[in-house]
C-alpha atoms as a PDB file:
ATOM      1  CA  MET A   1       0.912  36.329 -22.439  1.00  0.00           C
ATOM      2  CA  ALA A   2       0.416  33.164 -20.393  1.00  0.00           C
ATOM      3  CA  GLN A   3      -2.367  33.016 -17.825  1.00  0.00           C
ATOM      4  CA  ARG A   4      -2.351  30.813 -14.727  1.00  0.00           C
ATOM      5  CA  ILE A   5      -5.680  29.008 -14.443  1.00  0.00           C
ATOM      6  CA  SER A   6      -7.252  26.406 -12.189  1.00  0.00           C
ATOM      7  CA  ILE A   7     -10.096  24.182 -13.340  1.00  0.00           C
ATOM      8  CA  GLY A   8     -12.415  22.588 -10.772  1.00  0.00           C
ATOM      9  CA  PHE A   9     -14.203  19.284 -11.369  1.00  0.00           C
ATOM     10  CA  GLN A  10     -17.052  17.352  -9.733  1.00  0.00           C
ATOM     11  CA  ALA A  11     -15.046  14.491  -8.240  1.00  0.00           C
ATOM     12  CA  SER A  12     -11.322  15.302  -8.414  1.00  0.00           C
ATOM     13  CA  PRO A  13      -8.827  17.931  -7.256  1.00  0.00           C
ATOM     14  CA  PRO A  14      -8.430  21.129  -9.320  1.00  0.00           C
ATOM     15  CA  LEU A  15      -6.118  21.145 -12.318  1.00  0.00           C
ATOM     16  CA  ALA A  16      -3.619  24.034 -12.515  1.00  0.00           C
ATOM     17  CA  LEU A  17      -2.333  25.076 -15.954  1.00  0.00           C
ATOM     18  CA  ARG A  18      -0.578  27.942 -17.738  1.00  0.00           C
ATOM     19  CA  VAL A  19      -2.306  28.775 -21.017  1.00  0.00           C
ATOM     20  CA  SER A  20      -2.172  31.534 -23.620  1.00  0.00           C
ATOM     21  CA  ASP A  21      -4.880  34.173 -23.816  1.00  0.00           C
ATOM     22  CA  ASP A  22      -6.139  32.517 -27.017  1.00  0.00           C
ATOM     23  CA  GLU A  23      -6.444  29.100 -25.321  1.00  0.00           C
ATOM     24  CA  LEU A  24      -8.225  30.667 -22.352  1.00  0.00           C
ATOM     25  CA  GLY A  25     -10.751  32.228 -24.732  1.00  0.00           C
ATOM     26  CA  LYS A  26     -11.353  28.901 -26.464  1.00  0.00           C
ATOM     27  CA  LEU A  27     -11.844  27.163 -23.115  1.00  0.00           C
ATOM     28  CA  ARG A  28     -14.347  29.785 -21.964  1.00  0.00           C
ATOM     29  CA  GLU A  29     -16.333  29.313 -25.180  1.00  0.00           C
ATOM     30  CA  ALA A  30     -16.376  25.527 -24.666  1.00  0.00           C
ATOM     31  CA  LEU A  31     -17.681  25.720 -21.086  1.00  0.00           C
ATOM     32  CA  GLY A  32     -21.385  25.031 -20.786  1.00  0.00           C
ATOM     33  CA  ARG A  33     -21.344  22.759 -23.806  1.00  0.00           C
ATOM     34  CA  GLU A  34     -21.191  18.976 -23.902  1.00  0.00           C
ATOM     35  CA  GLY A  35     -18.343  16.737 -24.962  1.00  0.00           C
ATOM     36  CA  TRP A  36     -14.581  17.016 -24.998  1.00  0.00           C
ATOM     37  CA  HIS A  37     -12.295  20.020 -25.421  1.00  0.00           C
ATOM     38  CA  ASP A  38      -8.512  20.070 -25.956  1.00  0.00           C
ATOM     39  CA  VAL A  39      -6.500  22.712 -24.103  1.00  0.00           C
ATOM     40  CA  GLU A  40      -2.946  23.441 -25.234  1.00  0.00           C
ATOM     41  CA  ALA A  41      -1.032  24.323 -22.051  1.00  0.00           C
ATOM     42  CA  GLU A  42       2.652  25.194 -21.614  1.00  0.00           C
ATOM     43  CA  ASP A  43       3.315  21.692 -20.260  1.00  0.00           C
ATOM     44  CA  GLY A  44       1.395  19.883 -23.013  1.00  0.00           C
ATOM     45  CA  GLN A  45      -2.104  19.170 -24.195  1.00  0.00           C
ATOM     46  CA  VAL A  46      -5.009  18.383 -21.842  1.00  0.00           C
ATOM     47  CA  ARG A  47      -8.302  16.861 -22.975  1.00  0.00           C
ATOM     48  CA  LEU A  48     -11.268  17.876 -20.796  1.00  0.00           C
ATOM     49  CA  ASN A  49     -14.812  16.608 -20.602  1.00  0.00           C
ATOM     50  CA  VAL A  50     -16.375  20.058 -20.221  1.00  0.00           C
ATOM     51  CA  GLN A  51     -19.582  18.612 -18.748  1.00  0.00           C
ATOM     52  CA  HIS A  52     -17.653  17.901 -15.527  1.00  0.00           C
ATOM     53  CA  VAL A  53     -16.083  21.348 -15.118  1.00  0.00           C
ATOM     54  CA  LEU A  54     -17.615  23.202 -12.161  1.00  0.00           C
ATOM     55  CA  TRP A  55     -15.477  26.346 -12.097  1.00  0.00           C
ATOM     56  CA  LEU A  56     -12.602  28.161 -13.768  1.00  0.00           C
ATOM     57  CA  ARG A  57     -10.283  30.527 -11.893  1.00  0.00           C
ATOM     58  CA  VAL A  58      -7.937  32.912 -13.733  1.00  0.00           C
ATOM     59  CA  GLU A  59      -5.061  34.324 -11.698  1.00  0.00           C
ATOM     60  CA  ARG A  60      -4.097  37.714 -13.051  1.00  0.00           C
ATOM     61  CA  ASP A  61      -1.394  38.710 -10.560  1.00  0.00           C
ATOM     62  CA  GLU A  62       2.132  37.412 -10.893  1.00  0.00           C
ATOM     63  CA  HIS A  63       3.174  35.299  -7.903  1.00  0.00           C
ATOM     64  CA  ARG A  64       6.365  36.403  -6.185  1.00  0.00           C
ATOM     65  CA  VAL A  65       8.539  34.687  -3.631  1.00  0.00           C
ATOM     66  CA  GLY A  66      10.578  36.703  -1.159  1.00  0.00           C
ATOM     67  CA  PHE A  67      10.419  39.403   1.438  1.00  0.00           C
ATOM     68  CA  GLY A  68       9.869  43.118   1.223  1.00  0.00           C
ATOM     69  CA  ILE A  69       7.818  45.322  -0.989  1.00  0.00           C
ATOM     70  CA  GLY A  70       8.188  44.787  -4.713  1.00  0.00           C
ATOM     71  CA  SER A  71       7.956  47.606  -7.178  1.00  0.00           C
END
């Protein structure tokens, strides 16, 4: 299942990605370390310097567009 995530950095806007559960787990393990980490997202690969990551947000709810109450 793909997860929507946002990654916040020290001096740039957040980066929004869709990643698999496995990739999200690998990214979480890499946070707090030094150096570079490759993230395989749905749109392609992203290389991050994990030293500059300030926060990681995982959106669990599916976003819906429209009116009314969904079931």
